[in-house]
PDB file of all heavy atoms in Angstrom:
ATOM      1  N   PRO A   1      10.973  -2.199   5.917  1.00  0.00           N
ATOM      2  CA  PRO A   1      11.521  -3.538   6.169  1.00  0.00           C
ATOM      3  C   PRO A   1      11.853  -3.798   7.632  1.00  0.00           C
ATOM      4  O   PRO A   1      11.621  -4.907   8.136  1.00  0.00           O
ATOM      5  CB  PRO A   1      12.779  -3.562   5.285  1.00  0.00           C
ATOM      6  CG  PRO A   1      12.427  -2.679   4.134  1.00  0.00           C
ATOM      7  CD  PRO A   1      11.603  -1.568   4.735  1.00  0.00           C
ATOM      8  N   ARG A   2      12.394  -2.803   8.346  1.00  0.00           N
ATOM      9  CA  ARG A   2      12.740  -3.027   9.752  1.00  0.00           C
ATOM     10  C   ARG A   2      11.497  -3.276  10.602  1.00  0.00           C
ATOM     11  O   ARG A   2      11.547  -4.033  11.586  1.00  0.00           O
ATOM     12  CB  ARG A   2      13.540  -1.840  10.295  1.00  0.00           C
ATOM     13  CG  ARG A   2      12.797  -0.522  10.340  1.00  0.00           C
ATOM     14  CD  ARG A   2      13.720   0.616  10.758  1.00  0.00           C
ATOM     15  NE  ARG A   2      13.049   1.878  10.933  1.00  0.00           N
ATOM     16  CZ  ARG A   2      12.743   2.722   9.955  1.00  0.00           C
ATOM     17  NH1 ARG A   2      13.073   2.402   8.711  1.00  0.00           N
ATOM     18  NH2 ARG A   2      12.141   3.866  10.206  1.00  0.00           N
ATOM     19  N   HIS A   3      10.373  -2.645  10.236  1.00  0.00           N
ATOM     20  CA  HIS A   3       9.133  -2.866  10.985  1.00  0.00           C
ATOM     21  C   HIS A   3       8.586  -4.268  10.721  1.00  0.00           C
ATOM     22  O   HIS A   3       8.069  -4.920  11.633  1.00  0.00           O
ATOM     23  CB  HIS A   3       8.083  -1.828  10.578  1.00  0.00           C
ATOM     24  CG  HIS A   3       8.548  -0.421  10.759  1.00  0.00           C
ATOM     25  ND1 HIS A   3       8.416   0.541   9.775  1.00  0.00           N
ATOM     26  CD2 HIS A   3       9.158   0.199  11.814  1.00  0.00           C
ATOM     27  CE1 HIS A   3       8.904   1.683  10.214  1.00  0.00           C
ATOM     28  NE2 HIS A   3       9.370   1.502  11.439  1.00  0.00           N
ATOM     29  N   LEU A   4       8.708  -4.735   9.473  1.00  0.00           N
ATOM     30  CA  LEU A   4       8.240  -6.086   9.171  1.00  0.00           C
ATOM     31  C   LEU A   4       9.095  -7.132   9.884  1.00  0.00           C
ATOM     32  O   LEU A   4       8.582  -8.173  10.332  1.00  0.00           O
ATOM     33  CB  LEU A   4       8.259  -6.329   7.661  1.00  0.00           C
ATOM     34  CG  LEU A   4       7.352  -5.429   6.809  1.00  0.00           C
ATOM     35  CD1 LEU A   4       7.262  -5.979   5.387  1.00  0.00           C
ATOM     36  CD2 LEU A   4       5.972  -5.283   7.416  1.00  0.00           C
ATOM     37  N   ALA A   5      10.390  -6.877   9.998  1.00  0.00           N
ATOM     38  CA  ALA A   5      11.249  -7.795  10.745  1.00  0.00           C
ATOM     39  C   ALA A   5      10.798  -7.887  12.202  1.00  0.00           C
ATOM     40  O   ALA A   5      10.743  -8.975  12.787  1.00  0.00           O
ATOM     41  CB  ALA A   5      12.705  -7.335  10.658  1.00  0.00           C
ATOM     42  N   LEU A   6      10.476  -6.738  12.793  1.00  0.00           N
ATOM     43  CA  LEU A   6       9.989  -6.728  14.175  1.00  0.00           C
ATOM     44  C   LEU A   6       8.669  -7.471  14.278  1.00  0.00           C
ATOM     45  O   LEU A   6       8.463  -8.273  15.203  1.00  0.00           O
ATOM     46  CB  LEU A   6       9.845  -5.294  14.667  1.00  0.00           C
ATOM     47  CG  LEU A   6       9.217  -5.107  16.050  1.00  0.00           C
ATOM     48  CD1 LEU A   6      10.007  -5.843  17.118  1.00  0.00           C
ATOM     49  CD2 LEU A   6       9.104  -3.629  16.392  1.00  0.00           C
ATOM     50  N   ALA A   7       7.753  -7.232  13.344  1.00  0.00           N
ATOM     51  CA  ALA A   7       6.469  -7.925  13.374  1.00  0.00           C
ATOM     52  C   ALA A   7       6.650  -9.434  13.273  1.00  0.00           C
ATOM     53  O   ALA A   7       5.955 -10.208  13.947  1.00  0.00           O
ATOM     54  CB  ALA A   7       5.569  -7.417  12.242  1.00  0.00           C
ATOM     55  N   ALA A   8       7.593  -9.861  12.441  1.00  0.00           N
ATOM     56  CA  ALA A   8       7.880 -11.288  12.332  1.00  0.00           C
ATOM     57  C   ALA A   8       8.402 -11.839  13.654  1.00  0.00           C
ATOM     58  O   ALA A   8       8.003 -12.922  14.087  1.00  0.00           O
ATOM     59  CB  ALA A   8       8.883 -11.536  11.212  1.00  0.00           C
ATOM     60  N   ALA A   9       9.294 -11.087  14.306  1.00  0.00           N
ATOM     61  CA  ALA A   9       9.815 -11.524  15.615  1.00  0.00           C
ATOM     62  C   ALA A   9       8.709 -11.611  16.655  1.00  0.00           C
ATOM     63  O   ALA A   9       8.800 -12.393  17.604  1.00  0.00           O
ATOM     64  CB  ALA A   9      10.898 -10.560  16.084  1.00  0.00           C
ATOM     65  N   MET A  10       7.650 -10.822  16.459  1.00  0.00           N
ATOM     66  CA  MET A  10       6.496 -10.863  17.359  1.00  0.00           C
ATOM     67  C   MET A  10       5.553 -12.006  17.015  1.00  0.00           C
ATOM     68  O   MET A  10       4.510 -12.164  17.649  1.00  0.00           O
ATOM     69  CB  MET A  10       5.749  -9.530  17.289  1.00  0.00           C
ATOM     70  CG  MET A  10       6.553  -8.347  17.776  1.00  0.00           C
ATOM     71  SD  MET A  10       5.813  -6.766  17.298  1.00  0.00           S
ATOM     72  CE  MET A  10       4.304  -6.784  18.243  1.00  0.00           C
ATOM     73  N   ASN A  11       5.884 -12.749  15.953  1.00  0.00           N
ATOM     74  CA  ASN A  11       5.080 -13.891  15.502  1.00  0.00           C
ATOM     75  C   ASN A  11       3.762 -13.457  14.884  1.00  0.00           C
ATOM     76  O   ASN A  11       2.745 -14.140  14.995  1.00  0.00           O
ATOM     77  CB  ASN A  11       4.827 -14.889  16.642  1.00  0.00           C
ATOM     78  CG  ASN A  11       4.466 -16.273  16.124  1.00  0.00           C
ATOM     79  OD1 ASN A  11       4.820 -16.639  15.010  1.00  0.00           O
ATOM     80  ND2 ASN A  11       3.752 -17.048  16.930  1.00  0.00           N
ATOM     81  N   CYS A  12       3.769 -12.306  14.197  1.00  0.00           N
ATOM     82  CA  CYS A  12       2.583 -11.811  13.514  1.00  0.00           C
ATOM     83  C   CYS A  12       2.627 -12.258  12.052  1.00  0.00           C
ATOM     84  O   CYS A  12       3.486 -11.810  11.300  1.00  0.00           O
ATOM     85  CB  CYS A  12       2.514 -10.289  13.587  1.00  0.00           C
ATOM     86  SG  CYS A  12       2.381  -9.631  15.265  1.00  0.00           S
ATOM     87  N   ALA A  13       1.712 -13.108  11.656  1.00  0.00           N
ATOM     88  CA  ALA A  13       1.663 -13.571  10.267  1.00  0.00           C
ATOM     89  C   ALA A  13       0.851 -12.637   9.390  1.00  0.00           C
ATOM     90  O   ALA A  13       1.017 -12.629   8.169  1.00  0.00           O
ATOM     91  CB  ALA A  13       1.079 -14.978  10.202  1.00  0.00           C
ATOM     92  N   THR A  14      -0.045 -11.858   9.984  1.00  0.00           N
ATOM     93  CA  THR A  14      -0.856 -10.891   9.254  1.00  0.00           C
ATOM     94  C   THR A  14      -0.863  -9.574  10.017  1.00  0.00           C
ATOM     95  O   THR A  14      -0.644  -9.538  11.228  1.00  0.00           O
ATOM     96  CB  THR A  14      -2.306 -11.379   9.070  1.00  0.00           C
ATOM     97  OG1 THR A  14      -2.890 -11.597  10.364  1.00  0.00           O
ATOM     98  CG2 THR A  14      -2.355 -12.665   8.269  1.00  0.00           C
ATOM     99  N   LEU A  15      -1.133  -8.485   9.292  1.00  0.00           N
ATOM    100  CA  LEU A  15      -1.219  -7.160   9.899  1.00  0.00           C
ATOM    101  C   LEU A  15      -2.483  -6.466   9.409  1.00  0.00           C
ATOM    102  O   LEU A  15      -2.913  -6.655   8.263  1.00  0.00           O
ATOM    103  CB  LEU A  15       0.003  -6.309   9.527  1.00  0.00           C
ATOM    104  CG  LEU A  15       1.374  -6.801  10.006  1.00  0.00           C
ATOM    105  CD1 LEU A  15       2.464  -5.867   9.515  1.00  0.00           C
ATOM    106  CD2 LEU A  15       1.414  -6.924  11.523  1.00  0.00           C
ATOM    107  N   VAL A  16      -3.064  -5.644  10.272  1.00  0.00           N
ATOM    108  CA  VAL A  16      -4.229  -4.843   9.904  1.00  0.00           C
ATOM    109  C   VAL A  16      -3.733  -3.475   9.431  1.00  0.00           C
ATOM    110  O   VAL A  16      -3.066  -2.760  10.178  1.00  0.00           O
ATOM    111  CB  VAL A  16      -5.202  -4.687  11.088  1.00  0.00           C
ATOM    112  CG1 VAL A  16      -6.376  -3.786  10.695  1.00  0.00           C
ATOM    113  CG2 VAL A  16      -5.705  -6.050  11.541  1.00  0.00           C
ATOM    114  N   VAL A  17      -4.041  -3.140   8.192  1.00  0.00           N
ATOM    115  CA  VAL A  17      -3.530  -1.914   7.561  1.00  0.00           C
ATOM    116  C   VAL A  17      -4.693  -1.125   6.963  1.00  0.00           C
ATOM    117  O   VAL A  17      -5.805  -1.631   6.809  1.00  0.00           O
ATOM    118  CB  VAL A  17      -2.496  -2.241   6.465  1.00  0.00           C
ATOM    119  CG1 VAL A  17      -1.280  -2.938   7.048  1.00  0.00           C
ATOM    120  CG2 VAL A  17      -3.124  -3.092   5.358  1.00  0.00           C
ATOM    121  N   ARG A  18      -4.421   0.131   6.628  1.00  0.00           N
ATOM    122  CA  ARG A  18      -5.403   0.949   5.935  1.00  0.00           C
ATOM    123  C   ARG A  18      -5.521   0.521   4.469  1.00  0.00           C
ATOM    124  O   ARG A  18      -4.522   0.183   3.834  1.00  0.00           O
ATOM    125  CB  ARG A  18      -5.012   2.421   5.975  1.00  0.00           C
ATOM    126  CG  ARG A  18      -5.079   3.038   7.347  1.00  0.00           C
ATOM    127  CD  ARG A  18      -6.494   3.280   7.786  1.00  0.00           C
ATOM    128  NE  ARG A  18      -6.531   3.635   9.197  1.00  0.00           N
ATOM    129  CZ  ARG A  18      -7.611   3.587   9.951  1.00  0.00           C
ATOM    130  NH1 ARG A  18      -8.761   3.191   9.414  1.00  0.00           N
ATOM    131  NH2 ARG A  18      -7.566   3.938  11.220  1.00  0.00           N
ATOM    132  N   ARG A  19      -6.748   0.533   3.986  1.00  0.00           N
ATOM    133  CA  ARG A  19      -6.940   0.314   2.558  1.00  0.00           C
ATOM    134  C   ARG A  19      -6.246   1.422   1.773  1.00  0.00           C
ATOM    135  O   ARG A  19      -6.262   2.578   2.174  1.00  0.00           O
ATOM    136  CB  ARG A  19      -8.439   0.304   2.226  1.00  0.00           C
ATOM    137  CG  ARG A  19      -8.714   0.165   0.733  1.00  0.00           C
ATOM    138  CD  ARG A  19     -10.192   0.045   0.439  1.00  0.00           C
ATOM    139  NE  ARG A  19     -10.969   1.234   0.725  1.00  0.00           N
ATOM    140  CZ  ARG A  19     -11.008   2.315  -0.025  1.00  0.00           C
ATOM    141  NH1 ARG A  19     -10.239   2.413  -1.112  1.00  0.00           N
ATOM    142  NH2 ARG A  19     -11.783   3.337   0.295  1.00  0.00           N
ATOM    143  N   ARG A  20      -5.625   1.057   0.656  1.00  0.00           N
ATOM    144  CA  ARG A  20      -4.988   2.063  -0.188  1.00  0.00           C
ATOM    145  C   ARG A  20      -6.048   2.957  -0.832  1.00  0.00           C
ATOM    146  O   ARG A  20      -7.028   2.451  -1.402  1.00  0.00           O
ATOM    147  CB  ARG A  20      -4.169   1.402  -1.295  1.00  0.00           C
ATOM    148  CG  ARG A  20      -2.862   0.769  -0.842  1.00  0.00           C
ATOM    149  CD  ARG A  20      -2.038   0.403  -2.067  1.00  0.00           C
ATOM    150  NE  ARG A  20      -0.760  -0.161  -1.703  1.00  0.00           N
ATOM    151  CZ  ARG A  20      -0.463  -1.462  -1.742  1.00  0.00           C
ATOM    152  NH1 ARG A  20      -1.409  -2.316  -2.109  1.00  0.00           N
ATOM    153  NH2 ARG A  20       0.727  -1.904  -1.399  1.00  0.00           N
ATOM    154  N   PRO A  21      -5.871   4.270  -0.805  1.00  0.00           N
ATOM    155  CA  PRO A  21      -6.794   5.136  -1.532  1.00  0.00           C
ATOM    156  C   PRO A  21      -6.730   4.842  -3.032  1.00  0.00           C
ATOM    157  O   PRO A  21      -5.655   4.750  -3.618  1.00  0.00           O
ATOM    158  CB  PRO A  21      -6.268   6.548  -1.231  1.00  0.00           C
ATOM    159  CG  PRO A  21      -5.476   6.411   0.033  1.00  0.00           C
ATOM    160  CD  PRO A  21      -4.874   5.043  -0.028  1.00  0.00           C
ATOM    161  N   ARG A  22      -7.890   4.696  -3.641  1.00  0.00           N
ATOM    162  CA  ARG A  22      -7.966   4.458  -5.077  1.00  0.00           C
ATOM    163  C   ARG A  22      -8.104   5.800  -5.786  1.00  0.00           C
ATOM    164  O   ARG A  22      -9.057   6.550  -5.542  1.00  0.00           O
ATOM    165  CB  ARG A  22      -9.136   3.534  -5.409  1.00  0.00           C
ATOM    166  CG  ARG A  22      -8.941   2.095  -4.919  1.00  0.00           C
ATOM    167  CD  ARG A  22     -10.054   1.193  -5.406  1.00  0.00           C
ATOM    168  NE  ARG A  22     -11.279   1.436  -4.661  1.00  0.00           N
ATOM    169  CZ  ARG A  22     -11.638   0.777  -3.563  1.00  0.00           C
ATOM    170  NH1 ARG A  22     -10.852  -0.172  -3.073  1.00  0.00           N
ATOM    171  NH2 ARG A  22     -12.767   1.059  -2.934  1.00  0.00           N
ATOM    172  N   VAL A  23      -7.172   6.082  -6.673  1.00  0.00           N
ATOM    173  CA  VAL A  23      -7.138   7.384  -7.347  1.00  0.00           C
ATOM    174  C   VAL A  23      -7.197   7.159  -8.848  1.00  0.00           C
ATOM    175  O   VAL A  23      -6.264   6.610  -9.451  1.00  0.00           O
ATOM    176  CB  VAL A  23      -5.859   8.175  -6.972  1.00  0.00           C
ATOM    177  CG1 VAL A  23      -5.891   9.555  -7.623  1.00  0.00           C
ATOM    178  CG2 VAL A  23      -5.710   8.292  -5.454  1.00  0.00           C
ATOM    179  N   GLY A  24      -8.309   7.570  -9.449  1.00  0.00           N
ATOM    180  CA  GLY A  24      -8.427   7.500 -10.896  1.00  0.00           C
ATOM    181  C   GLY A  24      -7.600   8.597 -11.551  1.00  0.00           C
ATOM    182  O   GLY A  24      -7.622   9.743 -11.107  1.00  0.00           O
ATOM    183  N   VAL A  25      -6.874   8.251 -12.594  1.00  0.00           N
ATOM    184  CA  VAL A  25      -6.014   9.202 -13.306  1.00  0.00           C
ATOM    185  C   VAL A  25      -6.496   9.294 -14.739  1.00  0.00           C
ATOM    186  O   VAL A  25      -6.423   8.325 -15.499  1.00  0.00           O
ATOM    187  CB  VAL A  25      -4.533   8.780 -13.257  1.00  0.00           C
ATOM    188  CG1 VAL A  25      -3.663   9.784 -13.991  1.00  0.00           C
ATOM    189  CG2 VAL A  25      -4.067   8.622 -11.810  1.00  0.00           C
ATOM    190  N   LEU A  26      -7.002  10.481 -15.106  1.00  0.00           N
ATOM    191  CA  LEU A  26      -7.574  10.695 -16.430  1.00  0.00           C
ATOM    192  C   LEU A  26      -6.847  11.820 -17.152  1.00  0.00           C
ATOM    193  O   LEU A  26      -6.923  12.983 -16.758  1.00  0.00           O
ATOM    194  CB  LEU A  26      -9.069  11.039 -16.309  1.00  0.00           C
ATOM    195  CG  LEU A  26      -9.778  11.438 -17.607  1.00  0.00           C
ATOM    196  CD1 LEU A  26      -9.750  10.275 -18.613  1.00  0.00           C
ATOM    197  CD2 LEU A  26     -11.202  11.872 -17.323  1.00  0.00           C
ATOM    198  N   ALA A  27      -6.130  11.466 -18.206  1.00  0.00           N
ATOM    199  CA  ALA A  27      -5.519  12.483 -19.071  1.00  0.00           C
ATOM    200  C   ALA A  27      -6.549  12.908 -20.112  1.00  0.00           C
ATOM    201  O   ALA A  27      -7.403  12.118 -20.531  1.00  0.00           O
ATOM    202  CB  ALA A  27      -4.278  11.923 -19.747  1.00  0.00           C
ATOM    203  N   THR A  28      -6.482  14.166 -20.515  1.00  0.00           N
ATOM    204  CA  THR A  28      -7.456  14.668 -21.481  1.00  0.00           C
ATOM    205  C   THR A  28      -6.750  15.443 -22.593  1.00  0.00           C
ATOM    206  O   THR A  28      -5.752  16.114 -22.354  1.00  0.00           O
ATOM    207  CB  THR A  28      -8.473  15.602 -20.798  1.00  0.00           C
ATOM    208  OG1 THR A  28      -7.814  16.801 -20.354  1.00  0.00           O
ATOM    209  CG2 THR A  28      -9.127  14.927 -19.603  1.00  0.00           C
ATOM    210  N   GLY A  29      -7.280  15.316 -23.797  1.00  0.00           N
ATOM    211  CA  GLY A  29      -6.746  16.119 -24.895  1.00  0.00           C
ATOM    212  C   GLY A  29      -6.544  15.327 -26.163  1.00  0.00           C
ATOM    213  O   GLY A  29      -5.930  14.258 -26.148  1.00  0.00           O
ATOM    214  N   ASP A  30      -7.049  15.864 -27.295  1.00  0.00           N
ATOM    215  CA  ASP A  30      -6.843  15.221 -28.592  1.00  0.00           C
ATOM    216  C   ASP A  30      -5.377  15.194 -28.991  1.00  0.00           C
ATOM    217  O   ASP A  30      -4.978  14.398 -29.859  1.00  0.00           O
ATOM    218  CB  ASP A  30      -7.631  15.982 -29.676  1.00  0.00           C
ATOM    219  CG  ASP A  30      -9.144  15.854 -29.506  1.00  0.00           C
ATOM    220  OD1 ASP A  30      -9.580  14.852 -28.912  1.00  0.00           O
ATOM    221  OD2 ASP A  30      -9.861  16.758 -29.959  1.00  0.00           O
ATOM    222  N   GLU A  31      -4.596  16.072 -28.391  1.00  0.00           N
ATOM    223  CA  GLU A  31      -3.188  16.173 -28.790  1.00  0.00           C
ATOM    224  C   GLU A  31      -2.308  15.107 -28.154  1.00  0.00           C
ATOM    225  O   GLU A  31      -1.128  14.983 -28.504  1.00  0.00           O
ATOM    226  CB  GLU A  31      -2.637  17.564 -28.432  1.00  0.00           C
ATOM    227  CG  GLU A  31      -2.313  17.781 -26.956  1.00  0.00           C
ATOM    228  CD  GLU A  31      -3.534  18.137 -26.095  1.00  0.00           C
ATOM    229  OE1 GLU A  31      -4.677  17.974 -26.575  1.00  0.00           O
ATOM    230  OE2 GLU A  31      -3.337  18.586 -24.954  1.00  0.00           O
ATOM    231  N   LEU A  32      -2.852  14.290 -27.239  1.00  0.00           N
ATOM    232  CA  LEU A  32      -2.029  13.357 -26.466  1.00  0.00           C
ATOM    233  C   LEU A  32      -2.069  11.945 -27.043  1.00  0.00           C
ATOM    234  O   LEU A  32      -3.128  11.459 -27.479  1.00  0.00           O
ATOM    235  CB  LEU A  32      -2.506  13.304 -25.017  1.00  0.00           C
ATOM    236  CG  LEU A  32      -2.440  14.607 -24.220  1.00  0.00           C
ATOM    237  CD1 LEU A  32      -2.978  14.392 -22.805  1.00  0.00           C
ATOM    238  CD2 LEU A  32      -1.018  15.145 -24.183  1.00  0.00           C
TER     239      LEU A  32
END
């Protein structure tokens, strides 16, 4: 939050960020 406040004070309406890594989550087992 403190960084976004600073960015707002800098008059930045958008920021360039890294894409979030997409992680598939697969549970396995007949017992679940």
